[in-house]
Amino acid sequence: MSYDQINPDHYKKFGTEVWQQMIALYGAEKYLAFCELNAFKYRMRAGLKPGQPAQQDIEKALWYEEQIKSLIGKGKQRG
């Protein structure tokens, strides 16, 4: 079994995923902003972090961008 660099099992340790806990604690608006900023961060550093291929950061950015699309699609849009 290989280690999931994008969404590892330790993010799911407490019964719900960390991103679900973030929404519950801070709300969808703040979580959407978090996702936007993380996607930007991962795209900006793609290929620059020693020992990590650019594709890994791009995949992380894409994961956050999918989170944004999913939440907006479920009607948790910005007010």
N, C-alpha and C. Protein backbone atom coordinates (compact mmCIF):
# COMPACT_ATOMS: atom_id res chain seq x y z
N MET A 1 0.85 -1.19 0.00
CA MET A 1 0.00 0.00 0.00
C MET A 1 0.89 1.24 0.00
N SER A 2 0.66 2.13 -0.95
CA SER A 2 1.48 3.33 -1.03
C SER A 2 0.83 4.47 -0.23
N TYR A 3 1.66 5.40 0.15
CA TYR A 3 1.22 6.56 0.93
C TYR A 3 0.56 7.57 0.00
N ASP A 4 -0.63 8.01 0.35
CA ASP A 4 -1.35 9.01 -0.43
C ASP A 4 -0.82 10.40 -0.06
N GLN A 5 -0.05 10.99 -0.95
CA GLN A 5 0.55 12.31 -0.70
C GLN A 5 -0.49 13.43 -0.74
N ILE A 6 -1.60 13.20 -1.39
CA ILE A 6 -2.60 14.25 -1.58
C ILE A 6 -3.58 14.32 -0.41
N ASN A 7 -4.13 13.20 0.00
CA ASN A 7 -5.11 13.16 1.08
C ASN A 7 -4.84 11.93 1.95
N PRO A 8 -3.77 11.99 2.77
CA PRO A 8 -3.36 10.81 3.53
C PRO A 8 -4.36 10.40 4.61
N ASP A 9 -4.24 9.15 5.02
CA ASP A 9 -5.16 8.59 6.01
C ASP A 9 -5.19 9.35 7.32
N HIS A 10 -4.08 9.96 7.73
CA HIS A 10 -4.09 10.67 9.00
C HIS A 10 -4.99 11.91 8.96
N TYR A 11 -5.43 12.33 7.77
CA TYR A 11 -6.40 13.42 7.66
C TYR A 11 -7.82 12.92 7.98
N LYS A 12 -7.98 11.62 8.10
CA LYS A 12 -9.30 11.01 8.32
C LYS A 12 -9.38 10.32 9.67
N LYS A 13 -8.48 10.67 10.55
CA LYS A 13 -8.30 9.94 11.80
C LYS A 13 -9.49 10.03 12.77
N PHE A 14 -10.23 11.09 12.77
CA PHE A 14 -11.24 11.32 13.81
C PHE A 14 -12.67 11.12 13.32
N GLY A 15 -12.88 10.21 12.40
CA GLY A 15 -14.23 9.89 11.96
C GLY A 15 -14.72 10.70 10.78
N THR A 16 -14.26 11.91 10.65
CA THR A 16 -14.54 12.73 9.48
C THR A 16 -13.22 13.31 9.00
N GLU A 17 -13.19 13.68 7.75
CA GLU A 17 -11.96 14.22 7.22
C GLU A 17 -11.73 15.63 7.77
N VAL A 18 -10.48 16.04 7.77
CA VAL A 18 -10.11 17.35 8.31
C VAL A 18 -10.88 18.47 7.61
N TRP A 19 -11.04 18.36 6.30
CA TRP A 19 -11.75 19.42 5.58
C TRP A 19 -13.20 19.52 6.04
N GLN A 20 -13.83 18.40 6.38
CA GLN A 20 -15.20 18.43 6.88
C GLN A 20 -15.25 19.10 8.25
N GLN A 21 -14.26 18.83 9.07
CA GLN A 21 -14.19 19.46 10.38
C GLN A 21 -13.99 20.97 10.25
N MET A 22 -13.17 21.37 9.26
CA MET A 22 -12.94 22.79 9.03
C MET A 22 -14.24 23.51 8.67
N ILE A 23 -15.04 22.90 7.81
CA ILE A 23 -16.32 23.51 7.44
C ILE A 23 -17.23 23.62 8.66
N ALA A 24 -17.28 22.56 9.45
CA ALA A 24 -18.13 22.57 10.64
C ALA A 24 -17.71 23.64 11.64
N LEU A 25 -16.41 23.82 11.78
CA LEU A 25 -15.90 24.79 12.77
C LEU A 25 -15.86 26.23 12.26
N TYR A 26 -15.49 26.41 10.99
CA TYR A 26 -15.24 27.76 10.49
C TYR A 26 -16.20 28.22 9.40
N GLY A 27 -16.99 27.30 8.86
CA GLY A 27 -17.95 27.65 7.82
C GLY A 27 -17.39 27.47 6.42
N ALA A 28 -18.31 27.31 5.47
CA ALA A 28 -17.94 27.05 4.08
C ALA A 28 -17.21 28.23 3.46
N GLU A 29 -17.59 29.43 3.80
CA GLU A 29 -16.95 30.64 3.23
C GLU A 29 -15.45 30.65 3.50
N LYS A 30 -15.08 30.43 4.73
CA LYS A 30 -13.66 30.42 5.09
C LYS A 30 -12.95 29.22 4.49
N TYR A 31 -13.63 28.09 4.44
CA TYR A 31 -13.00 26.91 3.85
C TYR A 31 -12.76 27.12 2.35
N LEU A 32 -13.70 27.75 1.66
CA LEU A 32 -13.50 28.04 0.24
C LEU A 32 -12.28 28.94 0.03
N ALA A 33 -12.13 29.94 0.86
CA ALA A 33 -10.96 30.83 0.76
C ALA A 33 -9.68 30.04 1.03
N PHE A 34 -9.72 29.17 2.02
CA PHE A 34 -8.57 28.31 2.33
C PHE A 34 -8.19 27.47 1.12
N CYS A 35 -9.19 26.90 0.46
CA CYS A 35 -8.94 26.07 -0.72
C CYS A 35 -8.33 26.90 -1.85
N GLU A 36 -8.86 28.08 -2.08
CA GLU A 36 -8.32 28.94 -3.13
C GLU A 36 -6.85 29.28 -2.87
N LEU A 37 -6.56 29.63 -1.64
CA LEU A 37 -5.19 30.00 -1.29
C LEU A 37 -4.25 28.81 -1.37
N ASN A 38 -4.70 27.65 -0.93
CA ASN A 38 -3.85 26.46 -1.02
C ASN A 38 -3.61 26.06 -2.47
N ALA A 39 -4.63 26.12 -3.31
CA ALA A 39 -4.45 25.81 -4.73
C ALA A 39 -3.41 26.74 -5.33
N PHE A 40 -3.50 28.01 -5.02
CA PHE A 40 -2.53 29.00 -5.51
C PHE A 40 -1.13 28.66 -5.02
N LYS A 41 -1.00 28.37 -3.73
CA LYS A 41 0.30 28.04 -3.14
C LYS A 41 0.93 26.84 -3.84
N TYR A 42 0.17 25.78 -4.01
CA TYR A 42 0.74 24.58 -4.61
C TYR A 42 1.12 24.80 -6.07
N ARG A 43 0.35 25.60 -6.79
CA ARG A 43 0.71 25.90 -8.18
C ARG A 43 1.98 26.75 -8.24
N MET A 44 2.11 27.69 -7.33
CA MET A 44 3.28 28.58 -7.33
C MET A 44 4.57 27.85 -6.96
N ARG A 45 4.48 26.84 -6.14
CA ARG A 45 5.71 26.15 -5.71
C ARG A 45 5.96 24.86 -6.48
N ALA A 46 5.10 24.53 -7.43
CA ALA A 46 5.24 23.27 -8.18
C ALA A 46 6.64 23.14 -8.76
N GLY A 47 7.29 22.06 -8.42
CA GLY A 47 8.62 21.77 -8.93
C GLY A 47 9.75 22.47 -8.20
N LEU A 48 9.44 23.25 -7.19
CA LEU A 48 10.47 24.01 -6.48
C LEU A 48 10.85 23.41 -5.13
N LYS A 49 10.02 22.53 -4.60
CA LYS A 49 10.30 21.93 -3.30
C LYS A 49 11.24 20.74 -3.49
N PRO A 50 12.39 20.77 -2.82
CA PRO A 50 13.37 19.69 -3.00
C PRO A 50 12.77 18.31 -2.72
N GLY A 51 13.06 17.38 -3.61
CA GLY A 51 12.65 16.00 -3.40
C GLY A 51 11.21 15.70 -3.77
N GLN A 52 10.48 16.70 -4.26
CA GLN A 52 9.08 16.45 -4.65
C GLN A 52 8.88 16.87 -6.10
N PRO A 53 8.30 15.98 -6.90
CA PRO A 53 8.06 16.33 -8.30
C PRO A 53 6.98 17.40 -8.42
N ALA A 54 7.06 18.18 -9.47
CA ALA A 54 6.07 19.23 -9.72
C ALA A 54 4.66 18.65 -9.78
N GLN A 55 4.53 17.45 -10.36
CA GLN A 55 3.22 16.84 -10.52
C GLN A 55 2.51 16.65 -9.18
N GLN A 56 3.26 16.38 -8.12
CA GLN A 56 2.65 16.19 -6.81
C GLN A 56 1.98 17.48 -6.34
N ASP A 57 2.64 18.60 -6.52
CA ASP A 57 2.03 19.88 -6.12
C ASP A 57 0.85 20.22 -7.02
N ILE A 58 0.94 19.91 -8.30
CA ILE A 58 -0.18 20.15 -9.21
C ILE A 58 -1.37 19.31 -8.79
N GLU A 59 -1.14 18.06 -8.42
CA GLU A 59 -2.24 17.20 -7.96
C GLU A 59 -2.87 17.75 -6.68
N LYS A 60 -2.08 18.30 -5.80
CA LYS A 60 -2.63 18.91 -4.59
C LYS A 60 -3.47 20.12 -4.95
N ALA A 61 -2.98 20.95 -5.87
CA ALA A 61 -3.75 22.12 -6.31
C ALA A 61 -5.07 21.68 -6.92
N LEU A 62 -5.02 20.66 -7.76
CA LEU A 62 -6.25 20.15 -8.38
C LEU A 62 -7.23 19.62 -7.34
N TRP A 63 -6.73 18.98 -6.28
CA TRP A 63 -7.59 18.48 -5.23
C TRP A 63 -8.35 19.64 -4.58
N TYR A 64 -7.65 20.72 -4.28
CA TYR A 64 -8.31 21.88 -3.68
C TYR A 64 -9.28 22.54 -4.65
N GLU A 65 -8.92 22.59 -5.92
CA GLU A 65 -9.82 23.17 -6.91
C GLU A 65 -11.09 22.33 -7.07
N GLU A 66 -10.97 21.03 -6.96
CA GLU A 66 -12.16 20.17 -6.99
C GLU A 66 -13.03 20.39 -5.76
N GLN A 67 -12.42 20.62 -4.62
CA GLN A 67 -13.18 20.93 -3.40
C GLN A 67 -14.01 22.19 -3.62
N ILE A 68 -13.41 23.19 -4.22
CA ILE A 68 -14.12 24.46 -4.49
C ILE A 68 -15.32 24.19 -5.39
N LYS A 69 -15.10 23.49 -6.49
CA LYS A 69 -16.19 23.19 -7.43
C LYS A 69 -17.30 22.39 -6.75
N SER A 70 -16.91 21.44 -5.95
CA SER A 70 -17.89 20.60 -5.27
C SER A 70 -18.75 21.40 -4.31
N LEU A 71 -18.12 22.23 -3.50
CA LEU A 71 -18.88 23.03 -2.53
C LEU A 71 -19.77 24.04 -3.19
N ILE A 72 -19.27 24.68 -4.23
CA ILE A 72 -20.09 25.66 -4.94
C ILE A 72 -21.25 24.96 -5.62
N GLY A 73 -21.00 23.77 -6.15
CA GLY A 73 -22.05 22.99 -6.79
C GLY A 73 -23.14 22.54 -5.83
N LYS A 74 -22.78 22.40 -4.56
CA LYS A 74 -23.76 21.99 -3.53
C LYS A 74 -24.48 23.19 -2.93
N GLY A 75 -24.24 24.36 -3.48
CA GLY A 75 -24.96 25.55 -3.02
C GLY A 75 -24.32 26.26 -1.85
N LYS A 76 -23.11 25.87 -1.48
CA LYS A 76 -22.44 26.55 -0.36
C LYS A 76 -21.59 27.68 -0.95
N GLN A 77 -22.30 28.59 -1.59
CA GLN A 77 -21.64 29.69 -2.28
C GLN A 77 -21.39 30.85 -1.35
N ARG A 78 -20.60 31.73 -1.81
CA ARG A 78 -20.27 32.91 -1.03
C ARG A 78 -21.45 33.86 -0.98
N GLY A 79 -21.58 34.48 0.15
CA GLY A 79 -22.70 35.38 0.37
C GLY A 79 -22.46 36.69 -0.09
